[in-house]
Amino acid sequence: MAESTIIKLNAQIRDEDKNPRQLRALGFVPATVYGKGMESKNIQICAHEFEMSTRNNRDAVFELVVGKEKFNVVIQELQKNYSTNQVLNIEFKLA
């Protein structure tokens, strides 16, 4: 198998004023980043950017850029509405 590529994804700290349903209506996917030795971060990712970058490779390592911080992460859990194919929530774990 070919060496996995690192896919760059931009994210922002989640807008705490909006609930997940409101974020999705604005075109974002609510997500969480966690791992050993760090406090978990609630973030939001552009839904279209996420879909385009993960279309062929859900098992990739992602370079998640949140402001000035960068994290190498993998998808731990992906919640999806299978009737609409909409991504509802993503959990990223440090790689």
Protein backbone atom coordinates (compact mmCIF):
# COMPACT_ATOMS: atom_id res chain seq x y z
CA MET A 1 0.00 0.00 0.00
CA ALA A 2 1.22 3.50 -0.81
CA GLU A 3 2.44 5.76 1.95
CA SER A 4 -0.46 7.81 3.31
CA THR A 5 -0.50 11.43 2.30
CA ILE A 6 -1.08 14.27 4.70
CA ILE A 7 -4.14 16.30 3.81
CA LYS A 8 -4.26 19.88 5.03
CA LEU A 9 -7.57 21.05 6.55
CA ASN A 10 -8.31 24.52 7.87
CA ALA A 11 -10.50 24.89 10.94
CA GLN A 12 -11.61 27.55 13.40
CA ILE A 13 -12.39 27.44 17.08
CA ARG A 14 -16.10 26.64 17.30
CA ASP A 15 -18.47 29.56 17.69
CA GLU A 16 -19.96 28.79 21.12
CA ASP A 17 -22.96 31.05 20.42
CA LYS A 18 -24.25 28.60 17.81
CA ASN A 19 -25.48 25.08 18.37
CA PRO A 20 -24.37 22.26 16.03
CA ARG A 21 -27.56 22.47 13.95
CA GLN A 22 -26.97 26.20 13.33
CA LEU A 23 -23.32 25.53 12.38
CA ARG A 24 -24.36 22.90 9.86
CA ALA A 25 -26.94 25.31 8.38
CA LEU A 26 -24.07 27.79 7.85
CA GLY A 27 -22.00 25.18 6.00
CA PHE A 28 -19.74 24.02 8.83
CA VAL A 29 -19.25 20.66 10.51
CA PRO A 30 -18.77 20.70 14.29
CA ALA A 31 -15.70 18.72 15.32
CA THR A 32 -13.48 17.94 18.30
CA VAL A 33 -9.72 17.42 18.49
CA TYR A 34 -8.28 15.47 21.38
CA GLY A 35 -5.26 13.44 22.32
CA LYS A 36 -2.85 12.53 25.05
CA GLY A 37 -1.36 15.55 26.79
CA MET A 38 -3.73 18.15 25.37
CA GLU A 39 -7.06 19.63 26.31
CA SER A 40 -9.75 18.80 23.77
CA LYS A 41 -10.68 21.62 21.40
CA ASN A 42 -14.11 22.25 19.90
CA ILE A 43 -13.66 23.36 16.31
CA GLN A 44 -15.63 23.86 13.12
CA ILE A 45 -14.62 22.89 9.59
CA CYS A 46 -16.06 24.00 6.26
CA ALA A 47 -18.31 21.08 5.25
CA HIS A 48 -17.53 21.39 1.55
CA GLU A 49 -13.75 21.52 2.13
CA PHE A 50 -13.97 18.44 4.38
CA GLU A 51 -16.03 16.48 1.84
CA MET A 52 -13.71 17.34 -1.04
CA SER A 53 -10.52 16.51 0.85
CA THR A 54 -11.80 13.19 2.27
CA ARG A 55 -13.76 11.92 -0.71
CA ASN A 56 -11.23 9.22 -1.61
CA ASN A 57 -9.33 8.81 1.63
CA ARG A 58 -11.10 8.81 5.01
CA ASP A 59 -8.14 6.99 6.62
CA ALA A 60 -5.61 9.70 5.77
CA VAL A 61 -3.56 11.69 8.25
CA PHE A 62 -4.76 15.28 8.32
CA GLU A 63 -2.79 18.39 9.16
CA LEU A 64 -5.42 20.39 10.98
CA VAL A 65 -4.65 24.11 11.08
CA VAL A 66 -6.50 25.93 13.87
CA GLY A 67 -5.35 29.54 14.00
CA LYS A 68 -1.59 29.38 14.64
CA GLU A 69 -1.68 25.78 15.88
CA LYS A 70 -1.17 22.69 13.74
CA PHE A 71 -2.16 19.15 14.66
CA ASN A 72 -1.52 15.89 12.83
CA VAL A 73 -4.74 13.96 13.36
CA VAL A 74 -6.75 10.97 12.14
CA ILE A 75 -10.52 10.60 12.11
CA GLN A 76 -11.50 8.66 15.23
CA GLU A 77 -15.25 8.83 14.69
CA LEU A 78 -17.44 10.26 11.95
CA GLN A 79 -21.16 10.73 12.57
CA LYS A 80 -23.25 10.92 9.44
CA ASN A 81 -26.90 11.17 8.51
CA TYR A 82 -26.98 8.33 6.04
CA SER A 83 -30.32 9.33 4.50
CA THR A 84 -29.00 12.79 3.51
CA ASN A 85 -25.28 11.85 3.45
CA GLN A 86 -24.56 14.93 5.61
CA VAL A 87 -21.62 14.78 8.03
CA LEU A 88 -22.98 15.65 11.48
CA ASN A 89 -19.88 15.55 13.67
CA ILE A 90 -16.21 14.55 13.49
CA GLU A 91 -13.86 13.44 16.25
CA PHE A 92 -10.17 13.85 15.45
CA LYS A 93 -7.50 12.12 17.50
CA LEU A 94 -3.83 13.12 17.48
CA ALA A 95 -1.87 10.83 15.17
